[in-house]
N, C-alpha and C. Protein backbone atom coordinates (compact mmCIF):
# COMPACT_ATOMS: atom_id res chain seq x y z
N MET A 1 158.92 31.81 -60.46
CA MET A 1 157.96 32.69 -60.82
C MET A 1 158.34 33.57 -62.20
N LYS A 2 157.51 33.88 -62.93
CA LYS A 2 157.65 34.14 -64.75
C LYS A 2 157.55 35.41 -65.13
N ILE A 3 159.35 35.78 -65.56
CA ILE A 3 159.81 37.73 -64.92
C ILE A 3 159.69 37.71 -66.74
N ALA A 4 158.76 39.06 -67.08
CA ALA A 4 159.15 39.65 -68.69
C ALA A 4 159.65 40.77 -68.36
N ILE A 5 160.67 41.40 -69.69
CA ILE A 5 160.95 42.92 -70.04
C ILE A 5 160.18 43.35 -70.77
N TYR A 6 160.02 44.47 -70.37
CA TYR A 6 159.33 44.87 -71.60
C TYR A 6 160.63 46.52 -72.18
N PRO A 7 160.85 46.12 -72.94
CA PRO A 7 162.30 47.45 -73.36
C PRO A 7 161.38 48.05 -74.32
N GLY A 8 161.99 49.38 -74.14
CA GLY A 8 161.71 50.89 -75.36
C GLY A 8 162.07 51.58 -74.68
N SER A 9 162.46 52.46 -75.87
CA SER A 9 163.17 54.44 -75.39
C SER A 9 162.02 54.80 -74.60
N PHE A 10 160.85 54.72 -75.11
CA PHE A 10 159.33 55.72 -74.24
C PHE A 10 159.99 56.67 -74.39
N ASP A 11 159.57 57.60 -75.21
CA ASP A 11 160.22 59.01 -75.66
C ASP A 11 159.31 59.95 -76.08
N PRO A 12 157.83 59.72 -75.18
CA PRO A 12 157.11 59.27 -73.66
C PRO A 12 156.68 57.91 -74.19
N ILE A 13 156.23 57.89 -73.07
CA ILE A 13 155.49 56.76 -73.39
C ILE A 13 154.33 56.83 -73.60
N THR A 14 153.61 56.08 -74.44
CA THR A 14 152.13 56.28 -74.84
C THR A 14 151.14 55.36 -74.19
N LEU A 15 149.96 55.92 -74.46
CA LEU A 15 148.66 54.80 -73.70
C LEU A 15 148.86 53.71 -74.70
N GLY A 16 149.54 53.50 -75.39
CA GLY A 16 149.35 52.25 -75.94
C GLY A 16 150.53 51.55 -75.58
N HIS A 17 151.57 51.82 -75.23
CA HIS A 17 152.58 51.18 -74.49
C HIS A 17 152.19 50.82 -73.41
N LEU A 18 151.48 51.88 -72.56
CA LEU A 18 150.52 51.66 -71.17
C LEU A 18 150.21 50.45 -71.46
N ASP A 19 149.10 50.17 -72.31
CA ASP A 19 148.14 49.14 -72.80
C ASP A 19 148.59 47.68 -73.04
N ILE A 20 150.05 47.74 -73.26
CA ILE A 20 150.83 46.71 -73.67
C ILE A 20 151.57 46.46 -72.03
N ILE A 21 152.12 47.19 -71.15
CA ILE A 21 152.20 46.72 -69.62
C ILE A 21 151.22 46.25 -69.54
N ARG A 22 150.63 47.08 -69.16
CA ARG A 22 149.19 45.90 -68.18
C ARG A 22 148.61 44.82 -68.47
N ARG A 23 148.59 44.69 -70.14
CA ARG A 23 148.54 43.40 -70.39
C ARG A 23 149.59 42.49 -70.18
N ALA A 24 150.88 42.40 -70.03
CA ALA A 24 152.14 42.29 -69.95
C ALA A 24 151.65 42.06 -68.13
N ALA A 25 151.56 42.58 -67.45
CA ALA A 25 151.50 42.41 -66.11
C ALA A 25 150.16 41.00 -65.91
N ALA A 26 149.22 41.25 -66.67
CA ALA A 26 148.34 40.14 -66.50
C ALA A 26 149.06 38.93 -66.51
N CYS A 27 149.59 38.77 -67.35
CA CYS A 27 150.41 37.27 -67.81
C CYS A 27 151.38 37.07 -67.18
N PHE A 28 151.86 37.71 -66.50
CA PHE A 28 153.86 37.71 -65.79
C PHE A 28 153.80 37.94 -64.48
N ASP A 29 154.14 37.30 -63.62
CA ASP A 29 154.33 37.53 -62.37
C ASP A 29 155.17 38.77 -61.95
N LYS A 30 156.25 39.01 -63.00
CA LYS A 30 156.92 40.51 -62.51
C LYS A 30 157.43 40.69 -64.13
N VAL A 31 156.99 42.09 -64.19
CA VAL A 31 157.60 43.22 -65.78
C VAL A 31 158.20 44.28 -65.27
N TYR A 32 159.50 44.09 -66.33
CA TYR A 32 160.68 45.33 -65.92
C TYR A 32 159.90 46.04 -67.06
N VAL A 33 160.18 47.67 -67.08
CA VAL A 33 159.98 48.20 -68.03
C VAL A 33 161.66 48.77 -68.17
N CYS A 34 161.90 48.42 -69.04
CA CYS A 34 163.82 48.80 -69.34
C CYS A 34 163.28 49.92 -70.44
N VAL A 35 163.82 50.94 -69.56
CA VAL A 35 164.22 52.55 -70.56
C VAL A 35 164.85 52.35 -70.89
N LEU A 36 165.92 52.23 -72.43
CA LEU A 36 166.65 52.35 -73.22
C LEU A 36 167.08 53.32 -74.19
N SER A 37 168.15 53.99 -74.66
CA SER A 37 168.93 54.80 -75.67
C SER A 37 168.74 54.17 -76.66
N ASN A 38 168.02 55.22 -77.53
CA ASN A 38 168.08 55.18 -79.16
C ASN A 38 169.15 56.53 -79.75
N GLY A 39 169.97 56.02 -80.10
CA GLY A 39 171.30 56.73 -80.22
C GLY A 39 170.86 57.49 -81.93
N ASP A 40 169.53 57.19 -82.45
CA ASP A 40 169.99 57.55 -83.65
C ASP A 40 168.32 59.02 -83.41
N LYS A 41 168.40 59.01 -82.24
CA LYS A 41 166.87 60.29 -81.87
C LYS A 41 167.84 60.86 -80.67
N LYS A 42 167.80 62.94 -81.04
CA LYS A 42 167.41 63.45 -79.76
C LYS A 42 166.13 63.68 -78.49
N PRO A 43 166.17 62.59 -78.18
CA PRO A 43 165.28 62.55 -76.97
C PRO A 43 164.58 63.90 -76.65
N THR A 44 163.59 63.93 -76.24
CA THR A 44 162.35 64.71 -75.36
C THR A 44 163.15 64.66 -73.52
N PHE A 45 162.74 64.40 -73.38
CA PHE A 45 162.98 63.40 -71.97
C PHE A 45 164.04 62.97 -71.79
N THR A 46 165.17 63.17 -70.58
CA THR A 46 166.33 62.39 -70.15
C THR A 46 165.57 60.96 -69.83
N HIS A 47 167.12 59.70 -69.09
CA HIS A 47 166.48 58.91 -69.36
C HIS A 47 165.82 59.22 -68.02
N GLN A 48 166.10 59.23 -66.74
CA GLN A 48 165.88 59.59 -65.61
C GLN A 48 164.64 60.37 -65.22
N GLU A 49 163.76 60.80 -66.26
CA GLU A 49 162.55 61.54 -66.58
C GLU A 49 161.51 60.60 -67.25
N ARG A 50 161.76 60.19 -67.53
CA ARG A 50 161.10 58.70 -68.52
C ARG A 50 161.23 57.37 -68.10
N VAL A 51 162.15 57.27 -66.74
CA VAL A 51 161.74 56.58 -66.05
C VAL A 51 160.60 57.12 -64.89
N GLU A 52 160.73 58.14 -64.32
CA GLU A 52 159.34 58.94 -63.59
C GLU A 52 158.39 58.83 -63.89
N LEU A 53 158.63 59.57 -65.39
CA LEU A 53 156.70 59.68 -66.09
C LEU A 53 156.41 58.11 -66.13
N ILE A 54 157.12 56.68 -66.33
CA ILE A 54 156.50 55.46 -66.51
C ILE A 54 155.99 55.29 -64.84
N ARG A 55 156.89 55.68 -64.61
CA ARG A 55 156.29 55.27 -63.17
C ARG A 55 155.25 55.70 -62.21
N SER A 56 155.02 57.14 -62.50
CA SER A 56 153.59 57.52 -61.99
C SER A 56 152.35 57.04 -63.04
N SER A 57 153.18 56.70 -64.18
CA SER A 57 151.64 56.03 -65.56
C SER A 57 151.28 54.83 -64.88
N VAL A 58 152.40 54.16 -64.23
CA VAL A 58 152.01 52.66 -63.93
C VAL A 58 151.34 52.69 -62.60
N GLU A 59 151.21 53.12 -61.92
CA GLU A 59 151.25 53.58 -60.31
C GLU A 59 150.19 52.70 -59.94
N GLY A 60 149.92 51.90 -59.01
CA GLY A 60 148.53 50.80 -58.98
C GLY A 60 149.07 49.22 -59.55
N LEU A 61 150.37 49.10 -60.27
CA LEU A 61 150.47 47.94 -61.20
C LEU A 61 151.86 47.40 -60.39
N GLU A 62 151.55 46.24 -58.67
CA GLU A 62 152.09 46.11 -58.33
C GLU A 62 153.03 45.75 -58.57
N ASN A 63 153.08 44.77 -59.75
CA ASN A 63 154.39 43.89 -60.15
C ASN A 63 154.67 44.30 -61.55
N VAL A 64 154.65 45.38 -61.48
CA VAL A 64 155.90 46.15 -62.18
C VAL A 64 156.91 47.59 -61.74
N GLU A 65 158.03 47.31 -62.85
CA GLU A 65 159.07 48.22 -61.86
C GLU A 65 159.34 48.63 -63.42
N VAL A 66 159.74 49.69 -62.85
CA VAL A 66 160.92 50.22 -64.25
C VAL A 66 162.61 50.81 -64.09
N GLU A 67 163.31 50.60 -64.85
CA GLU A 67 164.47 50.71 -64.49
C GLU A 67 165.02 51.58 -66.47
N THR A 68 166.26 51.72 -65.54
CA THR A 68 166.86 52.19 -67.45
C THR A 68 167.88 50.76 -67.06
N TYR A 69 168.43 51.08 -68.65
CA TYR A 69 169.83 49.73 -68.62
C TYR A 69 170.99 50.63 -69.97
N GLY A 70 171.95 50.78 -69.77
CA GLY A 70 172.65 50.98 -70.75
C GLY A 70 173.27 50.15 -72.10
N GLY A 71 172.92 48.74 -71.49
CA GLY A 71 174.13 47.81 -72.23
C GLY A 71 173.24 46.78 -72.87
N LEU A 72 173.65 45.78 -73.45
CA LEU A 72 172.95 44.44 -73.90
C LEU A 72 171.64 44.08 -73.44
N LEU A 73 170.24 44.42 -74.09
CA LEU A 73 169.11 43.56 -73.47
C LEU A 73 169.37 42.08 -72.75
N ALA A 74 169.98 41.43 -73.60
CA ALA A 74 169.94 40.17 -73.03
C ALA A 74 170.83 40.34 -72.22
N ASP A 75 171.73 40.77 -71.67
CA ASP A 75 172.23 40.84 -70.51
C ASP A 75 171.68 41.47 -69.48
N TYR A 76 170.97 42.59 -69.59
CA TYR A 76 169.73 42.71 -68.67
C TYR A 76 169.07 41.68 -68.48
N ALA A 77 168.39 41.01 -69.71
CA ALA A 77 167.25 39.90 -69.59
C ALA A 77 167.43 38.70 -68.31
N ARG A 78 168.78 38.54 -68.54
CA ARG A 78 169.51 37.43 -67.91
C ARG A 78 169.51 38.04 -66.67
N GLU A 79 170.09 39.02 -66.26
CA GLU A 79 170.46 39.33 -64.55
C GLU A 79 169.33 40.15 -64.19
N LYS A 80 168.06 39.99 -64.46
CA LYS A 80 166.72 40.15 -64.25
C LYS A 80 166.30 38.44 -63.58
N GLY A 81 166.66 37.92 -64.69
CA GLY A 81 166.04 35.61 -64.72
C GLY A 81 165.27 35.94 -65.36
N SER A 82 164.99 36.77 -66.21
CA SER A 82 164.07 36.69 -67.21
C SER A 82 163.99 35.91 -68.90
N CYS A 83 163.57 35.51 -69.41
CA CYS A 83 164.16 34.77 -70.43
C CYS A 83 162.81 35.00 -71.84
N VAL A 84 161.86 36.26 -70.80
CA VAL A 84 161.14 36.63 -72.46
C VAL A 84 161.07 38.16 -72.52
N LEU A 85 160.81 38.50 -73.56
CA LEU A 85 160.67 39.83 -73.94
C LEU A 85 159.23 40.08 -74.49
N VAL A 86 158.79 41.20 -73.94
CA VAL A 86 157.25 41.82 -74.93
C VAL A 86 157.68 42.57 -75.53
N LYS A 87 156.81 42.33 -76.35
CA LYS A 87 157.22 43.81 -77.30
C LYS A 87 155.75 44.06 -77.87
N GLY A 88 155.25 45.32 -78.54
CA GLY A 88 154.26 45.49 -79.04
C GLY A 88 154.59 45.72 -80.34
N LEU A 89 152.92 45.77 -81.08
CA LEU A 89 153.25 45.34 -82.60
C LEU A 89 152.03 46.22 -82.76
N ARG A 90 152.37 47.49 -83.94
CA ARG A 90 151.35 48.28 -84.42
C ARG A 90 150.80 47.95 -85.42
N ASN A 91 151.91 47.22 -86.68
CA ASN A 91 151.72 47.23 -88.34
C ASN A 91 152.82 46.03 -88.76
N ALA A 92 152.93 45.35 -89.86
CA ALA A 92 154.07 44.43 -90.46
C ALA A 92 154.96 45.69 -89.96
N THR A 93 155.29 47.04 -90.55
CA THR A 93 156.53 47.56 -90.60
C THR A 93 157.29 47.16 -89.40
N ASP A 94 156.36 47.38 -87.99
CA ASP A 94 156.78 47.05 -86.80
C ASP A 94 157.30 45.03 -86.35
N PHE A 95 156.21 44.96 -86.99
CA PHE A 95 156.51 43.59 -87.08
C PHE A 95 157.88 43.06 -87.93
N ASP A 96 158.57 43.78 -88.63
CA ASP A 96 159.57 43.21 -89.71
C ASP A 96 160.54 43.72 -88.39
N MET A 97 160.72 44.95 -88.06
CA MET A 97 162.00 45.20 -87.13
C MET A 97 162.13 44.57 -86.13
N GLU A 98 160.89 44.49 -85.30
CA GLU A 98 161.14 43.51 -84.24
C GLU A 98 161.05 41.49 -84.43
N TYR A 99 161.15 41.33 -85.21
CA TYR A 99 161.32 40.17 -85.90
C TYR A 99 162.94 40.07 -85.81
N GLN A 100 163.22 40.85 -86.34
CA GLN A 100 165.01 40.77 -86.59
C GLN A 100 165.58 41.54 -85.46
N MET A 101 165.44 42.04 -84.81
CA MET A 101 165.41 42.19 -82.98
C MET A 101 165.02 40.86 -82.07
N ALA A 102 164.40 40.02 -82.44
CA ALA A 102 164.15 39.15 -81.80
C ALA A 102 165.26 38.02 -82.75
N ALA A 103 165.78 38.07 -83.29
CA ALA A 103 167.15 36.70 -84.17
C ALA A 103 167.80 37.70 -83.23
N ILE A 104 168.04 38.48 -83.66
CA ILE A 104 169.46 39.63 -82.67
C ILE A 104 169.71 38.68 -81.29
N ASN A 105 168.88 39.03 -80.87
CA ASN A 105 168.98 38.70 -78.99
C ASN A 105 169.16 37.48 -79.13
N ARG A 106 168.11 36.74 -79.84
CA ARG A 106 168.32 34.88 -79.59
C ARG A 106 169.85 34.34 -80.00
N GLY A 107 170.33 35.55 -80.76
CA GLY A 107 171.38 34.81 -81.09
C GLY A 107 172.60 34.86 -79.98
N ILE A 108 172.47 36.25 -79.30
CA ILE A 108 173.28 36.58 -78.49
C ILE A 108 172.58 35.39 -76.76
N TRP A 109 171.47 35.26 -76.55
CA TRP A 109 171.55 34.44 -75.81
C TRP A 109 170.07 33.08 -76.55
N PRO A 110 170.47 32.18 -76.85
CA PRO A 110 169.75 31.13 -77.33
C PRO A 110 167.98 31.28 -76.48
N GLU A 111 168.17 31.36 -75.07
CA GLU A 111 166.74 31.25 -74.70
C GLU A 111 166.08 32.08 -74.33
N LEU A 112 166.36 33.26 -75.13
CA LEU A 112 165.53 34.42 -74.85
C LEU A 112 164.56 34.25 -76.08
N GLU A 113 163.27 34.88 -75.48
CA GLU A 113 162.27 34.18 -76.36
C GLU A 113 161.66 35.87 -76.31
N THR A 114 160.96 35.76 -77.52
CA THR A 114 160.63 37.57 -77.54
C THR A 114 158.68 36.57 -77.87
N ILE A 115 158.00 37.74 -76.91
CA ILE A 115 156.77 37.37 -77.28
C ILE A 115 156.19 38.88 -77.87
N PHE A 116 154.87 38.94 -79.04
CA PHE A 116 154.84 39.96 -79.70
C PHE A 116 152.82 40.11 -79.18
N PHE A 117 152.80 41.40 -78.89
CA PHE A 117 151.85 41.71 -78.28
C PHE A 117 151.06 42.66 -79.44
N PRO A 118 149.74 41.89 -80.25
CA PRO A 118 149.36 43.04 -81.49
C PRO A 118 148.71 44.57 -80.44
N ALA A 119 149.27 46.00 -81.00
CA ALA A 119 148.23 46.42 -80.59
C ALA A 119 146.65 46.96 -80.83
N ARG A 120 146.46 47.48 -79.53
CA ARG A 120 144.52 47.12 -79.89
C ARG A 120 144.66 48.42 -80.92
N LEU A 121 143.05 47.88 -81.56
CA LEU A 121 142.77 48.98 -82.49
C LEU A 121 143.01 50.26 -82.34
N GLU A 122 142.33 51.07 -81.44
CA GLU A 122 142.55 52.21 -80.76
C GLU A 122 144.14 53.16 -80.75
N TYR A 123 144.92 52.25 -80.17
CA TYR A 123 146.25 52.53 -80.29
C TYR A 123 147.30 52.80 -81.38
N GLN A 124 146.91 51.29 -82.54
CA GLN A 124 147.81 51.63 -84.44
C GLN A 124 147.87 52.47 -84.14
N HIS A 125 147.54 53.72 -84.47
CA HIS A 125 147.40 55.21 -85.03
C HIS A 125 149.01 55.86 -84.75
N PHE A 126 149.10 56.19 -83.62
CA PHE A 126 150.38 56.77 -83.48
C PHE A 126 151.81 55.85 -82.66
N SER A 127 152.22 57.04 -82.00
CA SER A 127 153.72 56.30 -82.14
C SER A 127 154.14 57.72 -80.84
N SER A 128 155.66 57.04 -80.02
CA SER A 128 155.90 58.32 -79.44
C SER A 128 156.50 59.18 -79.97
N THR A 129 156.91 59.01 -81.50
CA THR A 129 157.49 60.37 -82.73
C THR A 129 156.26 60.53 -83.16
N MET A 130 155.42 60.42 -83.27
CA MET A 130 153.81 60.93 -83.51
C MET A 130 153.35 62.19 -81.96
N VAL A 131 153.40 61.84 -81.49
CA VAL A 131 153.29 62.30 -80.27
C VAL A 131 154.38 64.07 -79.96
N ARG A 132 155.64 63.72 -80.24
CA ARG A 132 156.67 64.55 -79.94
C ARG A 132 156.43 65.56 -81.26
N ASP A 133 155.88 65.28 -82.42
CA ASP A 133 155.49 65.75 -83.74
C ASP A 133 153.85 66.57 -83.37
N MET A 134 153.03 66.65 -82.50
CA MET A 134 152.21 66.83 -82.28
C MET A 134 152.03 67.57 -81.07
N ILE A 135 152.95 67.95 -80.33
CA ILE A 135 153.11 68.62 -79.33
C ILE A 135 153.54 70.36 -79.62
N HIS A 136 153.70 70.09 -80.97
CA HIS A 136 154.49 71.34 -81.70
C HIS A 136 153.27 72.12 -82.06
N TYR A 137 152.44 71.68 -82.30
CA TYR A 137 151.08 71.99 -83.13
C TYR A 137 150.12 72.11 -82.20
N ASP A 138 150.47 72.18 -80.15
CA ASP A 138 150.02 72.66 -79.49
C ASP A 138 148.17 71.82 -79.48
N GLN A 139 148.33 70.49 -80.30
CA GLN A 139 147.31 69.44 -80.20
C GLN A 139 147.19 68.84 -78.86
N PRO A 140 145.69 67.90 -78.33
CA PRO A 140 145.64 67.76 -77.27
C PRO A 140 146.03 66.65 -76.69
N MET A 141 147.22 66.20 -75.56
CA MET A 141 148.19 65.35 -75.33
C MET A 141 147.12 63.74 -74.74
N GLU A 142 146.23 64.07 -74.22
CA GLU A 142 145.69 63.33 -73.39
C GLU A 142 144.89 62.22 -74.17
N ARG A 143 144.71 62.38 -75.67
CA ARG A 143 144.51 61.19 -76.77
C ARG A 143 145.27 59.88 -76.68
N TYR A 144 146.39 60.43 -76.17
CA TYR A 144 147.62 59.80 -76.66
C TYR A 144 148.48 59.35 -75.96
N VAL A 145 148.38 60.47 -74.46
CA VAL A 145 149.98 59.26 -73.56
C VAL A 145 149.07 59.80 -71.97
N PRO A 146 149.17 59.38 -70.99
CA PRO A 146 149.12 59.44 -69.74
C PRO A 146 149.06 60.09 -69.26
N ALA A 147 147.91 60.46 -68.16
CA ALA A 147 148.13 62.42 -67.57
C ALA A 147 149.55 62.78 -66.93
N PRO A 148 150.15 62.14 -66.55
CA PRO A 148 151.32 62.61 -65.68
C PRO A 148 152.45 63.13 -67.35
N VAL A 149 151.96 62.17 -68.59
CA VAL A 149 153.17 62.48 -69.70
C VAL A 149 152.79 63.94 -70.20
N ALA A 150 151.08 63.90 -69.93
CA ALA A 150 150.59 65.64 -71.07
C ALA A 150 150.75 66.66 -70.31
N GLU A 151 150.96 66.30 -69.17
CA GLU A 151 150.92 67.47 -67.82
C GLU A 151 152.72 67.99 -68.43
N ALA A 152 154.09 67.30 -68.58
CA ALA A 152 154.93 67.11 -68.66
C ALA A 152 155.43 67.75 -70.31
N LEU A 153 154.53 67.03 -71.18
CA LEU A 153 154.17 67.62 -72.47
C LEU A 153 154.46 69.41 -72.23
N LYS A 154 153.07 70.12 -71.45
CA LYS A 154 152.77 70.72 -71.74
C LYS A 154 153.75 71.79 -70.85
N GLN A 155 153.99 71.67 -69.65
CA GLN A 155 155.62 72.16 -69.06
C GLN A 155 156.61 72.15 -69.90
N ARG A 156 156.80 71.45 -70.70
CA ARG A 156 158.02 71.37 -71.60
C ARG A 156 157.78 72.45 -72.94
N LYS A 157 156.50 72.28 -73.27
CA LYS A 157 156.02 73.26 -74.51
C LYS A 157 156.19 74.80 -73.38
N ALA A 158 155.60 75.24 -72.75
CA ALA A 158 155.77 76.47 -71.85
C ALA A 158 157.06 76.86 -71.85
N ARG A 159 158.13 75.91 -71.47
CA ARG A 159 159.42 76.71 -71.15
C ARG A 159 160.19 76.68 -72.34
N GLN A 160 159.59 76.15 -73.57
CA GLN A 160 160.14 76.88 -74.81
C GLN A 160 159.70 77.78 -75.78
N ILE A 161 158.51 78.23 -75.11
CA ILE A 161 158.15 79.34 -75.90
C ILE A 161 158.57 80.92 -75.42
């Protein structure tokens, strides 16, 4: 069985992330979407909220599971029996960062490969950070995030007012 891990903070998951998940699910027998912490960011959603939003967004993709993990990504991959990480790339800046992370992960576990999926043109211009910024300006989120996430963002914004 070919198993891949798609890691990220997914705060929130975007249509670009969802596209990468769908493409990876078509290539691998099993894809684990692994929600990780990013200590440099103040999250909009808790780990559990992100897991639930991703699960509702990938409904119908039978070979995709969503989990959270607090340790080293290489250890998680080993626990899941995977030697492949999937990463999406929007631009050269993403490549530089992800290439460096791939080298670090490979240093921890030499058998761990990273496969890069280039973002489709329609998803190259936005990120989770941009989505978090746009919600403050009451922009329609449906162009950027799956419907369950757009609704959760609207509810979160309404509670802040």
